[in-house]
Amino acid sequence: MTGLFVIFLFMPTTSSLAKRIGFWSASSIIIGSIIGSGVFMKPASMAAQLGSPVWLTLVWVIAGLFSLFGALVYAELGAMMPETGGIYVYFRKMFGDFFAYLYGWAAFSVINTTGVAAIAFVCAQYADYFLHLPRFDVITEQSVIWHLPFIGDLRPLENFGVKSLAIAIIGGLTWLNVRSVKAGSSFQVVSTIIKIAVIAALVIGIFFFGNGSVDNFFHAENPKQGAALFSGIIAALTGAFFAYDGWINITFIAGEIKQPQRNIPRSLFTGVIACIIVYVLVNQAYLYVLPVEKIAGSSLVASDAISMAVGNAGGAVVAAMIVICTLGAVNGNLMATTRVTYAMGKDKVFLPWAGREHQRFQTPGNALWLHGSWIAVLIISGSFDMLADMMVFISWIAYGLGAVGIFMLRKKMPLAERPYKIWMHPFVTLLFIIFTALFLVITVYNDITNYLNDRQPVVNSLLGIVIVALGIPFYFYYRSKKRKGKTSAE
């Protein structure tokens, strides 16, 4: 957005954070941010939506390819503008200050925090397999209900032990990242290595010890067809995109990466391709021992699959695996995404306090604690599916707009140095834009249809838009405050 009333509103974001993150740490942040609860939570609902093992596999591949296309688009932006803040910085140069702010608000209120809240909840839920956390009786859980018009009922006391552990996980990882970016990224490397090793053990264990059938890869009893299949594909893509989301995180911390022009594109390629391979292998392992109908009816598909291969003791192994994977995903997302709020704070358009570094550790400590606090509120709400769906929808609006902005920047800044240019541009870029637009429109249609047919309590996509719109008054407040400060100085 241009205009005299906003043209001088934001000062350029300059990061004073140290460059300590190398290629392997950056790649591990991508892998760690992507591989979390999705591959263990979403296959069941995706199988129910599709009813076909072939389409179940294809949706994982399609979602991975378009995530890779998105990574290719944002690799050019990240290498061209290696500044902490990611999409927030890109939108400011593409569309102007208003849209940059609106993305920053969306990142804080929906995109980044809802995703971390959902993953932390799943991490704690599977940790409960070992800890047997306390839980209130049903009457007590139902005694406190928060009714939100057009949204539904939230029960903060439901599963309170698991929620308390999830909040403790957020608090501990926030503290770790406040103390040291190096410590946070080192933890990410360790958790990613463990994660890959355990997933490899899962796949190998099922294929080598499971008494399965390759027929499960192709045959289904009642596959969906026509409009039902098309609607199911879009719904399943939402689940797969939740599992893949995280590939964008490396651009949020571009200002803290060593040799960003070289390491950002390399880490994006490495991270996304690795995750596509992992997800397809895990999906095929599930199908090898479980027909698609059994996957659709399973609440813990990974546990059921490995139990078929090595016995009931495999349930504990899977629970531990999910705890490790989701812990790494929480850390990767928490460490990377707070940098958007940090950048907004430095620009003094949203809580300037959030843009201050910790005096001792030189980390964005205030932004980290702000995110941690809001994530705790989201965890208390306990609405995992609502949060996950909102996150995917709002995220892909931003991803699509960023791809549109590529054309704008190439026209506005033709001489700017671009150490990396999008592979097969403009074909890949246009394909990504068209796909994203269709995905978003059909998602809204599906949400409204499901809401009207009482299959879900709220139109999740539109709710996400409403929450983002609630940030608009804050924009004008901080703009007015900044203008008054400038007038006083004169």
Protein backbone atom coordinates (compact mmCIF):
# COMPACT_ATOMS: atom_id res chain seq x y z
CA MET A 1 0.00 0.00 0.00
CA THR A 2 1.31 3.41 -0.90
CA GLY A 3 0.32 6.89 0.15
CA LEU A 4 1.70 9.84 2.03
CA PHE A 5 -0.01 8.84 5.28
CA VAL A 6 1.96 5.58 5.53
CA ILE A 7 5.04 6.02 3.40
CA PHE A 8 7.21 7.04 6.34
CA LEU A 9 5.41 4.98 8.96
CA PHE A 10 7.90 2.11 9.10
CA MET A 11 11.62 2.44 9.29
CA PRO A 12 13.67 -0.35 7.68
CA THR A 13 14.02 -3.39 9.87
CA THR A 14 17.62 -3.82 10.88
CA SER A 15 18.57 -6.79 12.99
CA SER A 16 21.15 -6.58 15.73
CA LEU A 17 20.88 -10.30 16.42
CA ALA A 18 24.07 -12.31 15.96
CA LYS A 19 24.58 -14.52 12.86
CA ARG A 20 25.07 -17.92 14.50
CA ILE A 21 22.87 -20.32 12.53
CA GLY A 22 24.63 -22.39 9.85
CA PHE A 23 23.35 -24.59 7.01
CA TRP A 24 22.80 -27.73 9.08
CA SER A 25 21.07 -25.83 11.88
CA ALA A 26 18.89 -24.03 9.31
CA SER A 27 18.00 -27.30 7.57
CA SER A 28 17.21 -28.93 10.89
CA ILE A 29 14.92 -26.01 11.79
CA ILE A 30 12.96 -26.67 8.58
CA ILE A 31 12.76 -30.44 9.14
CA GLY A 32 12.05 -30.01 12.84
CA SER A 33 9.38 -27.40 12.19
CA ILE A 34 7.63 -29.55 9.58
CA ILE A 35 7.70 -33.06 11.03
CA GLY A 36 5.55 -32.98 14.10
CA SER A 37 2.05 -34.10 14.93
CA GLY A 38 0.72 -33.99 11.37
CA VAL A 39 2.06 -37.29 10.06
CA PHE A 40 0.74 -39.06 13.17
CA MET A 41 -2.58 -37.22 13.58
CA LYS A 42 -3.81 -36.48 10.06
CA PRO A 43 -3.65 -39.78 8.06
CA ALA A 44 -6.81 -41.11 9.75
CA SER A 45 -8.99 -38.11 8.89
CA MET A 46 -7.43 -37.90 5.42
CA ALA A 47 -8.21 -41.58 4.78
CA ALA A 48 -11.81 -41.01 5.88
CA GLN A 49 -12.11 -37.99 3.59
CA LEU A 50 -10.66 -39.82 0.57
CA GLY A 51 -11.55 -43.50 0.98
CA SER A 52 -8.74 -44.42 -1.41
CA PRO A 53 -5.15 -45.53 -0.66
CA VAL A 54 -3.96 -44.24 -4.02
CA TRP A 55 -5.39 -40.78 -3.42
CA LEU A 56 -4.14 -40.83 0.15
CA THR A 57 -0.60 -41.24 -1.16
CA LEU A 58 -1.09 -38.77 -4.01
CA VAL A 59 -2.38 -36.06 -1.67
CA TRP A 60 0.79 -36.34 0.43
CA VAL A 61 2.88 -35.99 -2.74
CA ILE A 62 0.80 -33.12 -4.16
CA ALA A 63 0.92 -31.20 -0.88
CA GLY A 64 4.66 -31.78 -0.68
CA LEU A 65 5.26 -30.57 -4.24
CA PHE A 66 3.28 -27.37 -3.77
CA SER A 67 5.02 -26.80 -0.46
CA LEU A 68 8.29 -27.16 -2.38
CA PHE A 69 7.06 -24.68 -5.01
CA GLY A 70 6.28 -22.28 -2.18
CA ALA A 71 9.75 -22.85 -0.77
CA LEU A 72 11.28 -22.09 -4.17
CA VAL A 73 9.33 -18.82 -4.35
CA TYR A 74 10.34 -17.76 -0.86
CA ALA A 75 13.93 -18.84 -1.36
CA GLU A 76 14.31 -15.97 -3.84
CA LEU A 77 12.81 -13.55 -1.34
CA GLY A 78 14.88 -14.85 1.56
CA ALA A 79 18.16 -14.65 -0.34
CA MET A 80 17.28 -11.25 -1.81
CA MET A 81 16.25 -9.75 1.54
CA PRO A 82 18.07 -11.59 4.35
CA GLU A 83 16.46 -9.57 7.11
CA THR A 84 14.86 -10.90 10.27
CA GLY A 85 11.07 -10.76 9.89
CA GLY A 86 10.43 -12.93 6.83
CA ILE A 87 7.08 -12.35 5.13
CA TYR A 88 6.55 -9.20 7.19
CA VAL A 89 9.60 -7.61 5.56
CA TYR A 90 8.67 -8.91 2.10
CA PHE A 91 5.08 -7.60 2.29
CA ARG A 92 6.30 -4.16 3.31
CA LYS A 93 8.35 -3.91 0.12
CA MET A 94 5.68 -5.55 -2.04
CA PHE A 95 2.41 -4.02 -0.86
CA GLY A 96 3.26 -1.29 1.62
CA ASP A 97 3.07 -0.81 5.34
CA PHE A 98 -0.59 -1.68 5.98
CA PHE A 99 -0.40 -5.18 4.51
CA ALA A 100 2.94 -5.77 6.19
CA TYR A 101 1.39 -4.93 9.54
CA LEU A 102 -1.69 -7.04 8.81
CA TYR A 103 0.50 -10.04 8.10
CA GLY A 104 2.46 -9.42 11.27
CA TRP A 105 -0.75 -9.36 13.28
CA ALA A 106 -2.00 -12.50 11.53
CA ALA A 107 1.31 -14.20 12.25
CA PHE A 108 1.04 -13.38 15.94
CA SER A 109 -2.69 -13.96 16.47
CA VAL A 110 -3.30 -16.97 14.20
CA ILE A 111 -0.56 -18.40 12.02
CA ASN A 112 2.38 -18.90 14.33
CA THR A 113 0.82 -19.23 17.74
CA THR A 114 -2.11 -21.51 16.88
CA GLY A 115 0.21 -23.97 15.19
CA VAL A 116 2.57 -24.13 18.15
CA ALA A 117 -0.37 -24.45 20.56
CA ALA A 118 -1.81 -27.37 18.62
CA ILE A 119 1.51 -29.21 18.39
CA ALA A 120 2.31 -28.66 22.08
CA PHE A 121 -1.09 -30.06 23.00
CA VAL A 122 -0.45 -33.21 20.96
CA CYS A 123 3.03 -33.56 22.48
CA ALA A 124 1.56 -33.46 25.98
CA GLN A 125 -1.28 -35.78 25.03
CA TYR A 126 1.12 -38.51 23.94
CA ALA A 127 3.38 -37.89 26.93
CA ASP A 128 0.31 -38.73 29.00
CA TYR A 129 0.73 -42.32 27.77
CA PHE A 130 3.60 -42.58 30.26
CA LEU A 131 2.78 -39.94 32.88
CA HIS A 132 -0.93 -40.64 33.50
CA LEU A 133 -1.64 -36.99 34.17
CA PRO A 134 -4.54 -36.09 36.50
CA ARG A 135 -7.88 -35.13 35.01
CA PHE A 136 -11.04 -33.61 36.45
CA ASP A 137 -14.24 -35.62 36.46
CA VAL A 138 -16.76 -34.98 33.69
CA ILE A 139 -19.03 -32.80 35.83
CA THR A 140 -16.14 -30.52 36.82
CA GLU A 141 -14.87 -30.31 33.24
CA GLN A 142 -18.32 -29.26 32.04
CA SER A 143 -18.81 -26.74 34.85
CA VAL A 144 -16.87 -23.98 33.06
CA ILE A 145 -17.86 -23.22 29.46
CA TRP A 146 -16.85 -20.20 27.40
CA HIS A 147 -19.45 -19.55 24.72
CA LEU A 148 -18.21 -17.51 21.76
CA PRO A 149 -20.90 -16.35 19.29
CA PHE A 150 -20.43 -17.83 15.82
CA ILE A 151 -17.53 -19.92 17.15
CA GLY A 152 -18.83 -22.44 19.66
CA ASP A 153 -18.14 -23.60 23.19
CA LEU A 154 -14.67 -23.81 24.73
CA ARG A 155 -14.09 -25.88 27.88
CA PRO A 156 -10.91 -24.71 29.64
CA LEU A 157 -11.03 -27.40 32.35
CA GLU A 158 -11.27 -30.28 29.90
CA ASN A 159 -8.15 -32.49 29.91
CA PHE A 160 -6.55 -29.98 32.26
CA GLY A 161 -3.55 -32.16 33.16
CA VAL A 162 -2.50 -32.48 29.53
CA LYS A 163 -3.03 -28.76 28.97
CA SER A 164 -0.89 -27.95 32.02
CA LEU A 165 1.96 -30.08 30.69
CA ALA A 166 1.65 -28.45 27.26
CA ILE A 167 1.96 -25.02 28.87
CA ALA A 168 4.98 -26.23 30.86
CA ILE A 169 6.60 -27.41 27.61
CA ILE A 170 6.04 -23.99 26.05
CA GLY A 171 7.47 -22.29 29.13
CA GLY A 172 10.58 -24.47 29.18
CA LEU A 173 11.38 -24.07 25.48
CA THR A 174 10.71 -20.32 25.65
CA TRP A 175 13.20 -20.06 28.50
CA LEU A 176 15.75 -22.10 26.50
CA ASN A 177 15.48 -19.84 23.45
CA VAL A 178 15.58 -16.66 25.53
CA ARG A 179 18.89 -17.74 27.01
CA SER A 180 20.58 -18.60 23.71
CA VAL A 181 19.82 -18.84 19.99
CA LYS A 182 22.74 -21.25 19.82
CA ALA A 183 21.25 -23.43 22.55
CA GLY A 184 17.88 -23.41 20.80
CA SER A 185 19.34 -24.34 17.42
CA SER A 186 21.62 -26.97 18.98
CA PHE A 187 18.60 -28.56 20.64
CA GLN A 188 16.91 -28.50 17.23
CA VAL A 189 19.80 -30.40 15.63
CA VAL A 190 19.74 -33.05 18.36
CA SER A 191 15.95 -33.48 18.31
CA THR A 192 15.94 -33.67 14.49
CA ILE A 193 18.59 -36.40 14.45
CA ILE A 194 16.63 -38.42 17.02
CA LYS A 195 13.42 -37.80 15.09
CA ILE A 196 14.82 -39.06 11.79
CA ALA A 197 16.34 -42.12 13.46
CA VAL A 198 13.09 -43.08 15.17
CA ILE A 199 10.98 -42.54 12.04
CA ALA A 200 13.43 -44.71 10.09
CA ALA A 201 13.07 -47.39 12.76
CA LEU A 202 9.26 -47.13 12.45
CA VAL A 203 9.28 -47.55 8.67
CA ILE A 204 11.86 -50.35 8.70
CA GLY A 205 10.10 -52.12 11.57
CA ILE A 206 6.75 -52.16 9.77
CA PHE A 207 8.10 -53.22 6.37
CA PHE A 208 10.51 -55.88 7.67
CA PHE A 209 8.49 -57.31 10.56
CA GLY A 210 4.92 -56.50 9.58
CA ASN A 211 2.78 -59.16 7.95
CA GLY A 212 1.26 -56.72 5.48
CA SER A 213 0.18 -56.65 1.87
CA VAL A 214 1.09 -54.44 -1.08
CA ASP A 215 -2.52 -54.79 -2.22
CA ASN A 216 -3.39 -52.24 0.45
CA PHE A 217 -1.54 -49.63 -1.62
CA PHE A 218 -4.13 -49.86 -4.41
CA HIS A 219 -7.43 -51.37 -3.27
CA ALA A 220 -10.30 -49.91 -1.25
CA GLU A 221 -13.76 -51.24 -0.40
CA ASN A 222 -15.73 -48.03 -0.99
CA PRO A 223 -13.61 -45.34 -2.70
CA LYS A 224 -15.22 -41.94 -3.07
CA GLN A 225 -15.99 -40.65 -6.53
CA GLY A 226 -17.04 -37.48 -8.33
CA ALA A 227 -17.86 -34.39 -6.29
CA ALA A 228 -17.41 -36.26 -3.00
CA LEU A 229 -13.88 -37.24 -3.99
CA PHE A 230 -13.02 -33.71 -5.14
CA SER A 231 -14.28 -32.23 -1.88
CA GLY A 232 -12.38 -34.91 0.02
CA ILE A 233 -9.15 -34.10 -1.83
CA ILE A 234 -9.33 -30.42 -0.84
CA ALA A 235 -10.15 -31.31 2.77
CA ALA A 236 -7.31 -33.85 2.86
CA LEU A 237 -4.91 -31.28 1.40
CA THR A 238 -5.69 -29.04 4.38
CA GLY A 239 -4.59 -31.84 6.68
CA ALA A 240 -1.46 -32.52 4.63
CA PHE A 241 -0.56 -28.82 4.50
CA PHE A 242 -0.82 -28.72 8.29
CA ALA A 243 1.69 -31.57 8.37
CA TYR A 244 4.02 -29.80 5.90
CA ASP A 245 3.70 -26.31 7.34
CA GLY A 246 6.98 -24.98 8.67
CA TRP A 247 8.97 -24.70 5.45
CA ILE A 248 8.62 -20.92 5.61
CA ASN A 249 10.29 -20.64 9.00
CA ILE A 250 13.83 -20.33 7.69
CA THR A 251 13.05 -16.97 6.06
CA PHE A 252 11.87 -15.57 9.41
CA ILE A 253 15.39 -15.87 10.80
CA ALA A 254 17.28 -14.99 7.62
CA GLY A 255 19.07 -12.18 9.41
CA GLU A 256 20.61 -14.67 11.84
CA ILE A 257 21.87 -17.19 9.25
CA LYS A 258 25.50 -17.40 8.21
CA GLN A 259 25.98 -16.77 4.46
CA PRO A 260 22.22 -16.33 3.90
CA GLN A 261 22.46 -15.98 0.11
CA ARG A 262 23.86 -19.51 -0.04
CA ASN A 263 22.31 -21.25 2.94
CA ILE A 264 18.66 -20.16 2.66
CA PRO A 265 17.93 -21.81 -0.74
CA ARG A 266 19.99 -24.90 0.16
CA SER A 267 18.27 -25.39 3.49
CA LEU A 268 14.81 -24.98 1.94
CA PHE A 269 15.53 -27.60 -0.74
CA THR A 270 17.07 -29.98 1.75
CA GLY A 271 14.37 -29.62 4.38
CA VAL A 272 11.29 -29.85 2.16
CA ILE A 273 12.56 -32.72 -0.02
CA ALA A 274 13.55 -34.68 3.09
CA CYS A 275 10.06 -34.22 4.53
CA ILE A 276 8.32 -35.33 1.32
CA ILE A 277 10.35 -38.54 1.36
CA VAL A 278 9.66 -39.14 5.05
CA TYR A 279 5.91 -38.54 4.76
CA VAL A 280 5.47 -40.80 1.74
CA LEU A 281 7.48 -43.59 3.38
CA VAL A 282 5.53 -43.34 6.64
CA ASN A 283 2.23 -43.27 4.76
CA GLN A 284 3.18 -46.38 2.76
CA ALA A 285 4.23 -48.13 5.96
CA TYR A 286 0.80 -47.49 7.45
CA LEU A 287 -0.92 -48.79 4.33
CA TYR A 288 1.26 -51.89 4.22
CA VAL A 289 -0.21 -53.28 7.45
CA LEU A 290 -3.55 -51.42 7.61
CA PRO A 291 -6.15 -51.16 4.81
CA VAL A 292 -7.33 -47.62 4.18
CA GLU A 293 -10.64 -48.38 5.94
CA LYS A 294 -8.81 -49.30 9.16
CA ILE A 295 -6.62 -46.21 8.92
CA ALA A 296 -9.78 -44.09 8.62
CA GLY A 297 -11.15 -45.61 11.82
CA SER A 298 -7.94 -45.34 13.84
CA SER A 299 -7.34 -42.61 16.41
CA LEU A 300 -3.64 -43.55 16.73
CA VAL A 301 -2.73 -44.88 13.32
CA ALA A 302 1.01 -45.02 13.97
CA SER A 303 0.49 -47.00 17.16
CA ASP A 304 -1.94 -49.38 15.47
CA ALA A 305 0.39 -49.89 12.53
CA ILE A 306 3.48 -50.74 14.54
CA SER A 307 1.42 -52.93 16.87
CA MET A 308 0.50 -54.99 13.82
CA ALA A 309 4.21 -55.35 13.06
CA VAL A 310 5.91 -55.91 16.42
CA GLY A 311 3.11 -56.33 18.95
CA ASN A 312 1.42 -54.16 21.56
CA ALA A 313 4.73 -53.04 23.06
CA GLY A 314 5.11 -50.93 19.94
CA GLY A 315 2.49 -48.54 21.32
CA ALA A 316 4.93 -47.22 23.90
CA VAL A 317 7.62 -46.80 21.24
CA VAL A 318 5.26 -44.81 19.04
CA ALA A 319 4.13 -42.62 21.94
CA ALA A 320 7.76 -41.80 22.76
CA MET A 321 8.45 -41.12 19.09
CA ILE A 322 5.57 -38.67 18.82
CA VAL A 323 6.70 -36.86 21.97
CA ILE A 324 10.20 -36.43 20.49
CA CYS A 325 8.92 -35.30 17.09
CA THR A 326 6.42 -32.82 18.42
CA LEU A 327 8.88 -31.44 20.97
CA GLY A 328 11.27 -30.64 18.13
CA ALA A 329 8.45 -29.09 16.09
CA VAL A 330 7.39 -26.88 19.00
CA ASN A 331 10.97 -25.71 19.49
CA GLY A 332 11.58 -25.03 15.80
CA ASN A 333 8.37 -23.06 15.34
CA LEU A 334 8.72 -21.14 18.59
CA MET A 335 12.33 -20.17 17.86
CA ALA A 336 11.71 -19.00 14.30
CA THR A 337 8.29 -17.39 14.23
CA THR A 338 8.74 -14.99 17.14
CA ARG A 339 11.09 -13.01 14.90
CA VAL A 340 8.09 -11.52 13.04
CA THR A 341 6.77 -9.98 16.25
CA TYR A 342 10.32 -8.91 17.09
CA ALA A 343 10.59 -7.10 13.73
CA MET A 344 7.25 -5.34 14.26
CA GLY A 345 8.38 -4.23 17.69
CA LYS A 346 11.57 -2.74 16.26
CA ASP A 347 9.45 -0.85 13.72
CA LYS A 348 7.33 0.44 16.65
CA VAL A 349 4.06 -0.59 15.03
CA PHE A 350 3.18 -3.26 17.58
CA LEU A 351 4.34 -3.19 21.19
CA PRO A 352 7.82 -1.61 20.89
CA TRP A 353 8.68 -3.60 24.02
CA ALA A 354 8.58 -6.75 21.86
CA GLY A 355 11.39 -5.42 19.65
CA ARG A 356 13.97 -5.22 22.42
CA GLU A 357 16.75 -7.78 22.75
CA HIS A 358 17.61 -9.40 26.04
CA GLN A 359 20.46 -7.29 27.45
CA ARG A 360 22.55 -10.28 28.46
CA PHE A 361 21.75 -12.94 25.86
CA GLN A 362 21.09 -10.70 22.81
CA THR A 363 18.00 -12.73 21.87
CA PRO A 364 14.43 -11.49 21.18
CA GLY A 365 13.43 -12.39 24.72
CA ASN A 366 10.39 -10.12 25.05
CA ALA A 367 8.85 -11.39 21.80
CA LEU A 368 9.47 -14.97 22.91
CA TRP A 369 7.70 -14.47 26.24
CA LEU A 370 4.82 -12.65 24.52
CA HIS A 371 4.33 -15.58 22.15
CA GLY A 372 4.63 -18.07 24.97
CA SER A 373 1.91 -16.31 26.96
CA TRP A 374 -0.55 -16.16 24.05
CA ILE A 375 0.16 -19.78 23.14
CA ALA A 376 -0.74 -20.74 26.72
CA VAL A 377 -4.13 -19.04 26.28
CA LEU A 378 -4.72 -20.96 23.05
CA ILE A 379 -3.80 -24.25 24.69
CA ILE A 380 -6.36 -23.62 27.43
CA SER A 381 -9.03 -23.24 24.73
CA GLY A 382 -8.34 -26.85 23.77
CA SER A 383 -9.77 -26.55 20.23
CA PHE A 384 -7.07 -28.38 18.26
CA ASP A 385 -8.94 -28.86 14.97
CA MET A 386 -10.23 -25.29 14.84
CA LEU A 387 -6.76 -23.86 15.48
CA ALA A 388 -5.08 -26.12 12.93
CA ASP A 389 -7.58 -25.32 10.17
CA MET A 390 -7.37 -21.57 10.79
CA MET A 391 -3.59 -21.72 10.71
CA VAL A 392 -3.48 -23.47 7.34
CA PHE A 393 -6.05 -21.17 5.73
CA ILE A 394 -4.50 -17.87 6.83
CA SER A 395 -0.99 -19.14 6.12
CA TRP A 396 -1.84 -19.99 2.53
CA ILE A 397 -3.41 -16.59 1.95
CA ALA A 398 -0.04 -15.11 2.88
CA TYR A 399 1.89 -17.64 0.79
CA GLY A 400 -0.20 -16.86 -2.27
CA LEU A 401 0.16 -13.09 -1.85
CA GLY A 402 3.92 -13.49 -1.51
CA ALA A 403 4.03 -15.30 -4.85
CA VAL A 404 2.03 -12.47 -6.45
CA GLY A 405 4.51 -10.03 -4.96
CA ILE A 406 7.38 -11.72 -6.81
CA PHE A 407 6.11 -10.18 -10.05
CA MET A 408 5.73 -6.78 -8.37
CA LEU A 409 9.27 -6.81 -7.00
CA ARG A 410 10.78 -7.88 -10.31
CA LYS A 411 9.10 -4.84 -11.87
CA LYS A 412 9.77 -2.38 -9.03
CA MET A 413 13.30 -3.58 -8.25
CA PRO A 414 14.67 -5.02 -11.52
CA LEU A 415 18.29 -4.24 -10.64
CA ALA A 416 18.21 -5.66 -7.12
CA GLU A 417 20.70 -8.42 -6.47
CA ARG A 418 19.02 -11.83 -6.57
CA PRO A 419 21.57 -14.48 -5.58
CA TYR A 420 18.89 -17.10 -6.16
CA LYS A 421 16.08 -16.89 -8.73
CA ILE A 422 12.99 -19.08 -8.79
CA TRP A 423 13.46 -22.24 -10.80
CA MET A 424 11.32 -22.18 -14.00
CA HIS A 425 9.85 -18.76 -13.26
CA PRO A 426 7.20 -17.66 -14.18
CA PHE A 427 5.68 -21.14 -14.71
CA VAL A 428 6.29 -22.41 -11.18
CA THR A 429 5.23 -19.09 -9.65
CA LEU A 430 2.00 -18.85 -11.66
CA LEU A 431 1.15 -22.49 -10.99
CA PHE A 432 1.61 -21.91 -7.28
CA ILE A 433 -0.62 -18.80 -7.36
CA ILE A 434 -3.43 -20.52 -9.31
CA PHE A 435 -3.36 -23.60 -7.11
CA THR A 436 -3.39 -21.50 -3.92
CA ALA A 437 -6.36 -19.43 -5.10
CA LEU A 438 -8.40 -22.53 -5.96
CA PHE A 439 -7.47 -24.21 -2.70
CA LEU A 440 -8.58 -21.21 -0.62
CA VAL A 441 -11.89 -20.67 -2.43
CA ILE A 442 -12.87 -24.34 -2.25
CA THR A 443 -11.83 -24.50 1.41
CA VAL A 444 -14.25 -21.69 2.27
CA TYR A 445 -17.00 -23.47 0.33
CA ASN A 446 -16.29 -26.75 2.14
CA ASP A 447 -16.23 -25.02 5.52
CA ILE A 448 -19.58 -23.31 4.94
CA THR A 449 -21.13 -26.54 3.65
CA ASN A 450 -19.87 -28.53 6.63
CA TYR A 451 -21.08 -25.85 9.05
CA LEU A 452 -24.57 -25.75 7.52
CA ASN A 453 -24.74 -29.56 7.70
CA ASP A 454 -23.61 -29.59 11.37
CA ARG A 455 -20.39 -31.43 10.56
CA GLN A 456 -18.27 -28.74 12.24
CA PRO A 457 -19.17 -26.10 14.86
CA VAL A 458 -17.72 -23.07 13.04
CA VAL A 459 -16.61 -21.85 9.62
CA ASN A 460 -12.93 -22.04 10.53
CA SER A 461 -11.60 -20.19 7.50
CA LEU A 462 -13.88 -17.19 7.97
CA LEU A 463 -13.16 -17.15 11.70
CA GLY A 464 -9.48 -16.81 10.86
CA ILE A 465 -10.23 -13.84 8.63
CA VAL A 466 -12.27 -12.20 11.41
CA ILE A 467 -9.42 -12.59 13.92
CA VAL A 468 -6.99 -11.05 11.44
CA ALA A 469 -9.40 -8.16 10.80
CA LEU A 470 -9.51 -7.45 14.54
CA GLY A 471 -5.93 -6.27 14.28
CA ILE A 472 -6.78 -3.38 11.94
CA PRO A 473 -7.71 -0.91 14.74
CA PHE A 474 -4.30 -1.51 16.34
CA TYR A 475 -2.64 -0.48 13.08
CA PHE A 476 -4.34 2.93 13.12
CA TYR A 477 -3.64 3.32 16.84
CA TYR A 478 0.10 2.79 16.44
CA ARG A 479 0.16 4.90 13.27
CA SER A 480 -1.47 7.77 15.16
CA LYS A 481 0.85 7.30 18.11
CA LYS A 482 3.90 7.37 15.85
CA ARG A 483 2.67 10.50 14.06
CA LYS A 484 2.18 12.30 17.37
CA GLY A 485 5.66 11.31 18.45
CA LYS A 486 7.13 12.64 15.21
CA THR A 487 5.16 15.92 15.54
CA SER A 488 6.36 16.39 19.12
CA ALA A 489 9.96 15.83 18.03
CA GLU A 490 9.63 18.54 15.39
